[in-house]
Amino acid sequence: MTPPDAAASDRVLQRLMRLHPKVIDLSLDRVWRLLAALGHPERGLPPTVHVAGTNGKGSTLAFLRAMLEAQGYRVHVYTSPHLVRFHERIRLAGRLIAEDDLIALLEAAERANGEDPITYFEVTTCAAFLAFAREPADVLLLETGLGGRLDATNVLDRPALTAITPIGMDHMQFLGDTLEAIAGEKAGILKPGRPAVFAPQKPRAARVLHDRAAAVGAPTFSHGTDWTYRAHGGGRGFRYDGGRLTGDWPAPSLLGPYQIANAAMALACAERLEGFHVGDAAARTGLARASWPGRMQQLADGPLAARLPAGWELWLDGGHNADAGAVVAAAVDAWQADPRSARPLHVVFGMLNSKQPVEFLTPLVARADSLTAVAIPGEQASHTAAESAGFARQAGATRVAEAADVAAALDALARGPDSPPARVLICGSLYLAGKVLALDGA
């Protein structure tokens, strides 16, 4: 995952972060200005799948990418945030962008922008569009950064497909404090005449999406009416009913019951992507091969797992909002329902101060034998360990500890009283997940 030496691109990225006083300032004006200065690379992109939503965007795109590549298509991908290195955000026809290419693109965007104010995400998105326009590919999978309507990625008039994954309460300081307001921002990626796939949604969000689709004339392919799925065999597979890919499917490579929903969403997208054909064999291969680090990922061989007693398991998940807490809890329930995998659970968590820790932690409290709070290293917006421990107590936890960092938390658990082999889950933030993967040698 990590380039041999990314120090040079890191220096350029640090310079770009100083171009705007706000980390997030939703607007398309600065993006349009820079894209014009770069010669409008957004007009030279391959057919694009534009994806918004609160949860499941990255996993859905991981499944869709794997299926398209198994069919033989060359696939560009743009996702955010990265976990360890920025290069993870830009995948060019099957490979992460090379360090020299990244530097050249970032410096081209920097020169074109000059000293004009622009956010880090905006300028790096423009650089990514330049990369995607220059290198041939069959399709681009494009993930929004935040929201949709004013997101820096929302500059395409005619995407091949738009898709909206489940919408929940997150980023309220930017998107609004009601589900309807947030759904309205996500629905901003819908375009006239361009097909849209909707994942399962809460009724209030679904109404907003369908109203917007009707207003702009976007044909929809919606869960519950046009396609459905259901897990079967204790999570060992699922049934998808939609179009030509209707049938029974094995459980996907990504773990957790919620990944079945993401896999089904990817099948729905594959069916509605005009001009492309994903056959049954390619779809099955893709679902079996897809990978997406930091999402219910077991860390088995690195230095962090080595800190735990023999027979213990170490897991990592970047979920960080109320809905993510619920799906992580569902994954824990699936573990505990099987006598072969049931074992005590210890949660190590850290969260940003823009999130809602009590809402995230509440479903986990009843399922965890202990919770240990840490700060996210190097993140000014991180809650302190003491603050996060307080949120855990507000959520109802009684066995709560604080640790200086993840390694110290694992060491303290390892020194605890003798117990059967246990499972440790590190969670609460994608930024924490990135730090953990870096510590583990990713």
Protein backbone atom coordinates (compact mmCIF):
# COMPACT_ATOMS: atom_id res chain seq x y z
CA MET A 1 0.00 0.00 0.00
CA THR A 2 2.78 2.43 0.91
CA PRO A 3 5.08 3.87 -1.80
CA PRO A 4 8.79 3.42 -1.03
CA ASP A 5 9.28 7.18 -0.52
CA ALA A 6 6.36 9.56 -0.46
CA ALA A 7 8.10 12.37 1.41
CA ALA A 8 8.22 14.64 -1.64
CA SER A 9 4.48 14.40 -2.35
CA ASP A 10 3.80 14.90 1.37
CA ARG A 11 5.64 18.23 1.19
CA VAL A 12 3.52 19.38 -1.76
CA LEU A 13 0.35 18.31 0.06
CA GLN A 14 1.42 20.31 3.12
CA ARG A 15 1.82 23.40 0.95
CA LEU A 16 -1.63 22.89 -0.54
CA MET A 17 -3.19 22.68 2.91
CA ARG A 18 -2.12 26.28 3.56
CA LEU A 19 -4.05 27.75 0.63
CA HIS A 20 -7.34 28.09 2.51
CA PRO A 21 -7.92 28.87 6.20
CA LYS A 22 -10.82 26.42 6.44
CA VAL A 23 -10.35 22.67 6.12
CA ILE A 24 -13.90 22.34 4.75
CA ASP A 25 -15.70 25.14 2.90
CA LEU A 26 -18.34 23.69 0.60
CA SER A 27 -18.53 25.51 -2.72
CA LEU A 28 -18.01 24.74 -6.39
CA ASP A 29 -16.76 28.20 -7.42
CA ARG A 30 -13.11 27.54 -6.56
CA VAL A 31 -13.25 24.11 -8.24
CA TRP A 32 -14.66 25.54 -11.49
CA ARG A 33 -11.98 28.23 -11.50
CA LEU A 34 -9.13 25.75 -11.12
CA LEU A 35 -10.58 23.24 -13.59
CA ALA A 36 -10.77 26.03 -16.17
CA ALA A 37 -7.14 26.93 -15.51
CA LEU A 38 -6.20 23.27 -16.00
CA GLY A 39 -8.03 23.05 -19.35
CA HIS A 40 -11.20 21.40 -18.02
CA PRO A 41 -9.96 17.83 -17.43
CA GLU A 42 -13.42 16.90 -16.10
CA ARG A 43 -14.62 17.02 -19.73
CA GLY A 44 -12.20 14.26 -20.72
CA LEU A 45 -13.10 11.63 -18.13
CA PRO A 46 -14.22 8.10 -19.04
CA PRO A 47 -17.83 7.07 -18.24
CA THR A 48 -18.24 7.77 -14.54
CA VAL A 49 -20.13 6.19 -11.64
CA HIS A 50 -20.65 8.98 -9.09
CA VAL A 51 -21.40 7.74 -5.56
CA ALA A 52 -22.68 9.62 -2.52
CA GLY A 53 -24.10 8.48 0.82
CA THR A 54 -23.18 8.30 4.49
CA ASN A 55 -22.06 4.69 4.92
CA GLY A 56 -20.89 1.97 2.57
CA LYS A 57 -19.58 4.10 -0.31
CA GLY A 58 -16.03 2.72 -0.24
CA SER A 59 -17.06 -0.91 0.20
CA THR A 60 -19.65 -0.68 -2.57
CA LEU A 61 -17.04 0.77 -4.92
CA ALA A 62 -14.52 -1.90 -3.88
CA PHE A 63 -17.00 -4.61 -4.92
CA LEU A 64 -17.93 -2.82 -8.14
CA ARG A 65 -14.29 -2.24 -9.07
CA ALA A 66 -13.42 -5.89 -8.47
CA MET A 67 -16.34 -7.06 -10.63
CA LEU A 68 -15.53 -4.68 -13.48
CA GLU A 69 -11.86 -5.63 -13.41
CA ALA A 70 -12.75 -9.33 -13.38
CA GLN A 71 -14.74 -8.65 -16.56
CA GLY A 72 -11.61 -7.14 -18.14
CA TYR A 73 -12.37 -3.42 -17.84
CA ARG A 74 -9.73 -0.83 -16.96
CA VAL A 75 -11.00 1.04 -13.91
CA HIS A 76 -10.01 4.41 -12.43
CA VAL A 77 -11.05 4.98 -8.81
CA TYR A 78 -11.19 8.08 -6.61
CA THR A 79 -11.93 7.67 -2.89
CA SER A 80 -11.30 9.53 0.35
CA PRO A 81 -9.99 9.81 2.93
CA HIS A 82 -6.82 7.78 2.64
CA LEU A 83 -5.70 5.59 5.51
CA VAL A 84 -1.89 5.59 5.33
CA ARG A 85 -0.79 7.48 2.21
CA PHE A 86 -2.54 9.95 -0.09
CA HIS A 87 -1.75 7.70 -3.08
CA GLU A 88 -4.60 5.39 -1.96
CA ARG A 89 -7.10 8.01 -3.15
CA ILE A 90 -6.16 7.77 -6.83
CA ARG A 91 -6.16 4.41 -8.62
CA LEU A 92 -5.26 4.58 -12.32
CA ALA A 93 -6.42 1.63 -14.44
CA GLY A 94 -5.78 -0.88 -11.69
CA ARG A 95 -2.76 0.58 -9.86
CA LEU A 96 -2.24 3.20 -7.20
CA ILE A 97 -0.79 6.39 -8.60
CA ALA A 98 3.03 6.46 -8.65
CA GLU A 99 4.91 8.97 -6.50
CA ASP A 100 6.49 10.84 -9.43
CA ASP A 101 3.15 11.09 -11.24
CA LEU A 102 1.43 12.35 -8.12
CA ILE A 103 4.04 15.05 -7.55
CA ALA A 104 3.74 16.23 -11.15
CA LEU A 105 -0.06 16.44 -10.94
CA LEU A 106 -0.11 18.20 -7.59
CA GLU A 107 2.48 20.73 -8.75
CA ALA A 108 0.54 21.35 -11.98
CA ALA A 109 -2.58 22.10 -9.94
CA GLU A 110 -0.56 24.26 -7.55
CA ARG A 111 0.88 26.34 -10.41
CA ALA A 112 -2.53 26.74 -12.07
CA ASN A 113 -4.13 27.82 -8.80
CA GLY A 114 -1.43 30.24 -7.71
CA GLU A 115 -2.14 31.82 -4.34
CA ASP A 116 -5.93 31.83 -4.75
CA PRO A 117 -7.87 30.36 -1.82
CA ILE A 118 -8.85 26.72 -2.33
CA THR A 119 -9.33 23.83 0.07
CA TYR A 120 -7.06 20.80 0.22
CA PHE A 121 -9.83 18.48 -1.02
CA GLU A 122 -10.74 20.79 -3.88
CA VAL A 123 -7.23 21.18 -5.27
CA THR A 124 -6.38 17.50 -4.88
CA THR A 125 -9.67 16.51 -6.56
CA CYS A 126 -8.80 18.73 -9.52
CA ALA A 127 -5.38 17.07 -9.68
CA ALA A 128 -7.08 13.67 -9.66
CA PHE A 129 -9.34 14.69 -12.55
CA LEU A 130 -6.20 15.67 -14.47
CA ALA A 131 -4.77 12.19 -13.84
CA PHE A 132 -7.97 10.43 -14.88
CA ALA A 133 -8.23 12.48 -18.09
CA ARG A 134 -4.64 11.79 -19.11
CA GLU A 135 -4.54 8.01 -18.66
CA PRO A 136 -6.96 5.85 -20.66
CA ALA A 137 -9.51 3.72 -18.82
CA ASP A 138 -12.93 2.29 -19.51
CA VAL A 139 -14.71 3.65 -16.43
CA LEU A 140 -14.16 5.94 -13.43
CA LEU A 141 -15.61 5.17 -10.00
CA LEU A 142 -15.90 8.54 -8.24
CA GLU A 143 -16.70 8.90 -4.54
CA THR A 144 -17.91 12.18 -3.09
CA GLY A 145 -15.89 13.60 -0.23
CA LEU A 146 -18.67 15.28 1.75
CA GLY A 147 -22.34 15.69 0.89
CA GLY A 148 -22.90 15.88 -2.84
CA ARG A 149 -24.52 19.09 -4.04
CA LEU A 150 -21.49 21.29 -3.31
CA ASP A 151 -18.89 18.53 -3.21
CA ALA A 152 -15.78 19.12 -5.31
CA THR A 153 -16.53 15.97 -7.32
CA ASN A 154 -19.96 17.23 -8.44
CA VAL A 155 -18.87 18.81 -11.72
CA LEU A 156 -20.08 16.19 -14.20
CA ASP A 157 -23.14 16.96 -16.33
CA ARG A 158 -23.74 13.43 -17.56
CA PRO A 159 -22.32 10.69 -15.33
CA ALA A 160 -22.95 7.19 -16.63
CA LEU A 161 -24.59 6.36 -13.30
CA THR A 162 -25.21 7.95 -9.92
CA ALA A 163 -25.58 5.86 -6.78
CA ILE A 164 -26.56 6.78 -3.24
CA THR A 165 -25.69 4.43 -0.39
CA PRO A 166 -27.52 4.51 2.98
CA ILE A 167 -27.90 8.01 4.42
CA GLY A 168 -27.57 8.72 8.12
CA MET A 169 -26.70 11.49 10.54
CA ASP A 170 -23.12 12.62 9.97
CA HIS A 171 -21.29 15.88 9.19
CA MET A 172 -24.30 17.80 10.50
CA GLN A 173 -22.26 20.99 10.92
CA PHE A 174 -21.91 21.11 7.13
CA LEU A 175 -24.92 19.25 5.73
CA GLY A 176 -27.74 20.11 8.12
CA ASP A 177 -29.13 18.71 11.35
CA THR A 178 -32.02 16.68 9.94
CA LEU A 179 -32.05 13.52 7.88
CA GLU A 180 -34.05 15.32 5.21
CA ALA A 181 -31.47 18.10 4.91
CA ILE A 182 -28.60 15.65 4.64
CA ALA A 183 -30.46 13.58 2.04
CA GLY A 184 -31.09 16.76 0.07
CA GLU A 185 -27.36 17.44 -0.06
CA LYS A 186 -26.59 13.86 -1.13
CA ALA A 187 -29.31 14.05 -3.79
CA GLY A 188 -27.44 16.94 -5.37
CA ILE A 189 -25.43 14.48 -7.49
CA LEU A 190 -28.55 13.34 -9.40
CA LYS A 191 -28.54 14.54 -13.00
CA PRO A 192 -31.26 14.92 -15.65
CA GLY A 193 -31.80 11.75 -17.62
CA ARG A 194 -29.00 9.85 -15.90
CA PRO A 195 -29.88 6.59 -14.09
CA ALA A 196 -29.61 6.47 -10.30
CA VAL A 197 -29.36 3.46 -7.98
CA PHE A 198 -30.63 3.86 -4.40
CA ALA A 199 -29.56 1.61 -1.54
CA PRO A 200 -31.90 0.82 1.36
CA GLN A 201 -32.87 4.14 2.96
CA LYS A 202 -34.81 5.38 5.96
CA PRO A 203 -38.27 6.48 4.74
CA ARG A 204 -37.62 10.20 5.30
CA ALA A 205 -34.39 10.06 3.28
CA ALA A 206 -36.02 7.95 0.56
CA ARG A 207 -38.76 10.53 0.05
CA VAL A 208 -36.22 13.29 -0.46
CA LEU A 209 -34.22 11.21 -2.96
CA HIS A 210 -37.26 10.25 -5.00
CA ASP A 211 -38.61 13.79 -4.99
CA ARG A 212 -35.29 15.11 -6.28
CA ALA A 213 -35.00 12.36 -8.91
CA ALA A 214 -38.49 13.21 -10.17
CA ALA A 215 -37.67 16.93 -10.23
CA VAL A 216 -34.56 16.49 -12.38
CA GLY A 217 -35.86 13.58 -14.46
CA ALA A 218 -33.40 10.94 -13.23
CA PRO A 219 -34.68 7.35 -13.72
CA THR A 220 -34.26 5.37 -10.49
CA PHE A 221 -33.45 1.77 -9.60
CA SER A 222 -34.40 1.60 -5.94
CA HIS A 223 -34.07 -0.99 -3.22
CA GLY A 224 -37.43 -2.34 -2.17
CA THR A 225 -39.20 -1.68 -5.47
CA ASP A 226 -36.73 -2.44 -8.26
CA TRP A 227 -34.24 -4.65 -6.47
CA THR A 228 -34.01 -6.48 -3.15
CA TYR A 229 -31.63 -8.73 -1.26
CA ARG A 230 -31.80 -10.99 1.77
CA ALA A 231 -29.09 -12.86 3.63
CA HIS A 232 -29.48 -16.58 4.07
CA GLY A 233 -27.62 -19.49 5.56
CA GLY A 234 -26.58 -17.61 8.69
CA GLY A 235 -24.82 -14.96 6.64
CA ARG A 236 -23.03 -17.49 4.43
CA GLY A 237 -24.68 -16.07 1.31
CA PHE A 238 -27.48 -13.90 0.03
CA ARG A 239 -30.25 -13.72 -2.52
CA TYR A 240 -30.30 -10.80 -4.96
CA ASP A 241 -33.42 -10.07 -6.99
CA GLY A 242 -33.18 -7.35 -9.61
CA GLY A 243 -32.39 -7.93 -13.25
CA ARG A 244 -30.05 -10.23 -15.13
CA LEU A 245 -27.86 -10.86 -12.05
CA THR A 246 -30.80 -12.21 -10.04
CA GLY A 247 -29.80 -15.31 -8.12
CA ASP A 248 -28.10 -16.73 -5.04
CA TRP A 249 -24.64 -15.42 -4.19
CA PRO A 250 -21.97 -16.53 -1.72
CA ALA A 251 -20.98 -14.24 1.13
CA PRO A 252 -18.57 -11.56 -0.12
CA SER A 253 -14.91 -11.29 0.79
CA LEU A 254 -15.41 -8.29 3.08
CA LEU A 255 -16.55 -9.37 6.52
CA GLY A 256 -19.57 -8.23 8.49
CA PRO A 257 -23.31 -8.72 7.83
CA TYR A 258 -23.57 -5.17 6.45
CA GLN A 259 -21.18 -6.05 3.62
CA ILE A 260 -23.89 -8.23 2.11
CA ALA A 261 -25.93 -5.03 1.67
CA ASN A 262 -22.95 -3.33 0.01
CA ALA A 263 -22.35 -6.33 -2.25
CA ALA A 264 -26.00 -6.30 -3.32
CA MET A 265 -25.77 -2.56 -4.00
CA ALA A 266 -22.74 -3.20 -6.21
CA LEU A 267 -24.70 -5.83 -8.17
CA ALA A 268 -27.51 -3.31 -8.67
CA CYS A 269 -25.01 -0.74 -9.94
CA ALA A 270 -23.40 -3.27 -12.28
CA GLU A 271 -26.82 -4.00 -13.77
CA ARG A 272 -27.66 -0.35 -14.39
CA LEU A 273 -24.28 0.82 -15.74
CA GLU A 274 -25.11 1.54 -19.36
CA GLY A 275 -22.64 0.33 -22.00
CA PHE A 276 -20.98 -2.21 -19.71
CA HIS A 277 -21.61 -5.90 -19.15
CA VAL A 278 -20.67 -7.72 -15.98
CA GLY A 279 -21.40 -11.41 -16.32
CA ASP A 280 -22.23 -13.88 -13.60
CA ALA A 281 -18.69 -15.29 -13.45
CA ALA A 282 -17.05 -11.85 -13.23
CA ALA A 283 -19.49 -10.75 -10.54
CA ARG A 284 -18.77 -13.84 -8.45
CA THR A 285 -15.02 -13.39 -8.88
CA GLY A 286 -15.26 -9.72 -7.93
CA LEU A 287 -17.29 -10.34 -4.79
CA ALA A 288 -14.75 -12.96 -3.73
CA ARG A 289 -11.68 -10.79 -4.42
CA ALA A 290 -12.70 -7.32 -3.27
CA SER A 291 -10.59 -5.75 -0.55
CA TRP A 292 -11.10 -2.55 1.42
CA PRO A 293 -8.67 -1.93 4.30
CA GLY A 294 -9.88 -0.64 7.63
CA ARG A 295 -13.36 -2.11 7.36
CA MET A 296 -13.80 -5.02 9.76
CA GLN A 297 -10.25 -6.08 8.96
CA GLN A 298 -8.39 -8.64 11.01
CA LEU A 299 -4.80 -7.73 11.89
CA ALA A 300 -3.18 -11.09 12.36
CA ASP A 301 0.53 -10.92 11.53
CA GLY A 302 1.81 -7.47 12.46
CA PRO A 303 3.47 -6.02 15.55
CA LEU A 304 0.19 -4.90 17.13
CA ALA A 305 -1.35 -8.38 17.21
CA ALA A 306 1.95 -9.65 18.63
CA ARG A 307 1.30 -7.55 21.76
CA LEU A 308 -1.72 -9.70 22.65
CA PRO A 309 -1.66 -13.14 24.28
CA ALA A 310 -1.66 -16.25 22.12
CA GLY A 311 -5.08 -17.10 20.75
CA TRP A 312 -6.42 -13.53 20.92
CA GLU A 313 -7.76 -11.75 17.82
CA LEU A 314 -7.24 -8.12 16.78
CA TRP A 315 -9.75 -6.38 14.48
CA LEU A 316 -9.99 -2.90 12.99
CA ASP A 317 -12.96 -0.90 11.69
CA GLY A 318 -13.15 2.75 10.69
CA GLY A 319 -16.87 3.25 11.35
CA HIS A 320 -17.57 6.51 13.17
CA ASN A 321 -21.27 7.47 13.23
CA ALA A 322 -24.48 6.13 14.75
CA ASP A 323 -25.37 3.91 11.81
CA ALA A 324 -21.82 2.56 11.70
CA GLY A 325 -22.05 1.73 15.41
CA ALA A 326 -25.18 -0.29 14.68
CA VAL A 327 -23.60 -2.28 11.86
CA VAL A 328 -20.44 -2.95 13.90
CA ALA A 329 -22.69 -4.19 16.70
CA ALA A 330 -24.42 -6.48 14.19
CA ALA A 331 -21.03 -7.91 13.23
CA VAL A 332 -20.29 -8.55 16.90
CA ASP A 333 -23.64 -10.29 17.27
CA ALA A 334 -22.80 -12.54 14.32
CA TRP A 335 -19.52 -13.49 16.00
CA GLN A 336 -21.22 -14.22 19.30
CA ALA A 337 -24.07 -16.21 17.76
CA ASP A 338 -21.63 -18.86 16.57
CA PRO A 339 -20.20 -20.89 19.48
CA ARG A 340 -17.03 -21.43 17.46
CA SER A 341 -16.28 -17.70 17.27
CA ALA A 342 -17.87 -16.36 20.48
CA ARG A 343 -15.38 -14.82 22.93
CA PRO A 344 -15.01 -11.78 25.21
CA LEU A 345 -14.83 -8.44 23.40
CA HIS A 346 -12.64 -5.47 24.32
CA VAL A 347 -13.17 -2.21 22.40
CA VAL A 348 -10.37 0.32 21.89
CA PHE A 349 -11.69 3.53 20.37
CA GLY A 350 -10.82 7.11 19.44
CA MET A 351 -13.02 9.70 17.71
CA LEU A 352 -12.93 13.12 16.13
CA ASN A 353 -14.70 16.01 17.84
CA SER A 354 -16.94 16.49 14.78
CA LYS A 355 -18.66 13.16 15.44
CA GLN A 356 -21.24 11.98 17.97
CA PRO A 357 -19.42 9.48 20.21
CA VAL A 358 -22.35 8.57 22.46
CA GLU A 359 -24.51 7.62 19.49
CA PHE A 360 -21.70 5.55 17.97
CA LEU A 361 -20.80 3.79 21.23
CA THR A 362 -24.28 3.04 22.58
CA PRO A 363 -24.85 -0.17 20.57
CA LEU A 364 -21.36 -1.42 21.46
CA VAL A 365 -21.52 -0.85 25.21
CA ALA A 366 -23.84 -3.77 25.93
CA ARG A 367 -21.67 -6.07 23.84
CA ALA A 368 -18.21 -5.15 25.15
CA ASP A 369 -16.48 -6.49 28.25
CA SER A 370 -14.43 -3.30 28.40
CA LEU A 371 -13.84 -0.04 26.52
CA THR A 372 -10.49 1.76 26.35
CA ALA A 373 -10.36 5.33 25.06
CA VAL A 374 -7.39 6.79 23.17
CA ALA A 375 -6.71 10.05 21.34
CA ILE A 376 -6.05 9.85 17.60
CA PRO A 377 -2.34 10.68 17.27
CA GLY A 378 -1.48 13.73 15.17
CA GLU A 379 -5.11 14.85 14.79
CA GLN A 380 -5.91 18.25 16.30
CA ALA A 381 -9.62 17.50 15.94
CA SER A 382 -9.39 14.35 18.06
CA HIS A 383 -11.15 14.03 21.38
CA THR A 384 -8.72 13.40 24.21
CA ALA A 385 -8.74 9.99 25.83
CA ALA A 386 -10.39 11.49 28.92
CA GLU A 387 -13.14 13.11 26.83
CA SER A 388 -13.82 9.88 24.93
CA ALA A 389 -13.90 7.89 28.18
CA GLY A 390 -16.54 10.30 29.43
CA PHE A 391 -18.63 9.70 26.33
CA ALA A 392 -18.38 5.95 26.89
CA ARG A 393 -19.73 6.40 30.42
CA GLN A 394 -22.56 8.55 29.06
CA ALA A 395 -23.39 5.66 26.71
CA GLY A 396 -23.73 3.38 29.74
CA ALA A 397 -20.33 1.71 29.94
CA THR A 398 -19.01 0.82 33.39
CA ARG A 399 -15.66 -0.79 32.56
CA VAL A 400 -13.90 2.16 30.92
CA ALA A 401 -10.17 2.88 30.80
CA GLU A 402 -7.91 5.45 29.16
CA ALA A 403 -4.60 4.79 27.41
CA ALA A 404 -1.88 6.98 25.95
CA ASP A 405 -2.15 5.25 22.57
CA VAL A 406 -3.29 2.05 20.89
CA ALA A 407 -0.11 0.14 21.76
CA ALA A 408 -0.50 1.05 25.43
CA ALA A 409 -4.16 0.00 25.32
CA LEU A 410 -3.23 -3.41 23.92
CA ASP A 411 -0.45 -3.83 26.49
CA ALA A 412 -2.87 -3.07 29.33
CA LEU A 413 -5.36 -5.63 28.01
CA ALA A 414 -2.58 -8.20 27.69
CA ARG A 415 -1.62 -7.63 31.35
CA GLY A 416 -5.20 -8.06 32.53
CA PRO A 417 -6.45 -10.96 34.60
CA ASP A 418 -6.28 -14.40 33.07
CA SER A 419 -9.22 -14.99 30.79
CA PRO A 420 -10.19 -17.11 27.78
CA PRO A 421 -8.83 -15.90 24.44
CA ALA A 422 -10.54 -12.61 23.67
CA ARG A 423 -11.20 -10.36 20.69
CA VAL A 424 -10.03 -6.73 20.55
CA LEU A 425 -11.80 -4.32 18.20
CA ILE A 426 -10.18 -0.94 17.41
CA CYS A 427 -12.75 1.48 16.02
CA GLY A 428 -14.25 4.97 16.00
CA SER A 429 -12.51 6.75 13.14
CA LEU A 430 -11.02 6.18 9.71
CA TYR A 431 -8.19 8.46 10.80
CA LEU A 432 -7.49 6.17 13.75
CA ALA A 433 -7.69 3.17 11.39
CA GLY A 434 -5.03 4.78 9.20
CA LYS A 435 -2.73 5.36 12.15
CA VAL A 436 -3.20 1.75 13.25
CA LEU A 437 -2.41 0.38 9.80
CA ALA A 438 0.73 2.54 9.64
CA LEU A 439 1.82 1.22 13.05
CA ASP A 440 1.18 -2.30 11.82
CA GLY A 441 3.44 -1.83 8.81
CA ALA A 442 0.84 -1.31 6.05
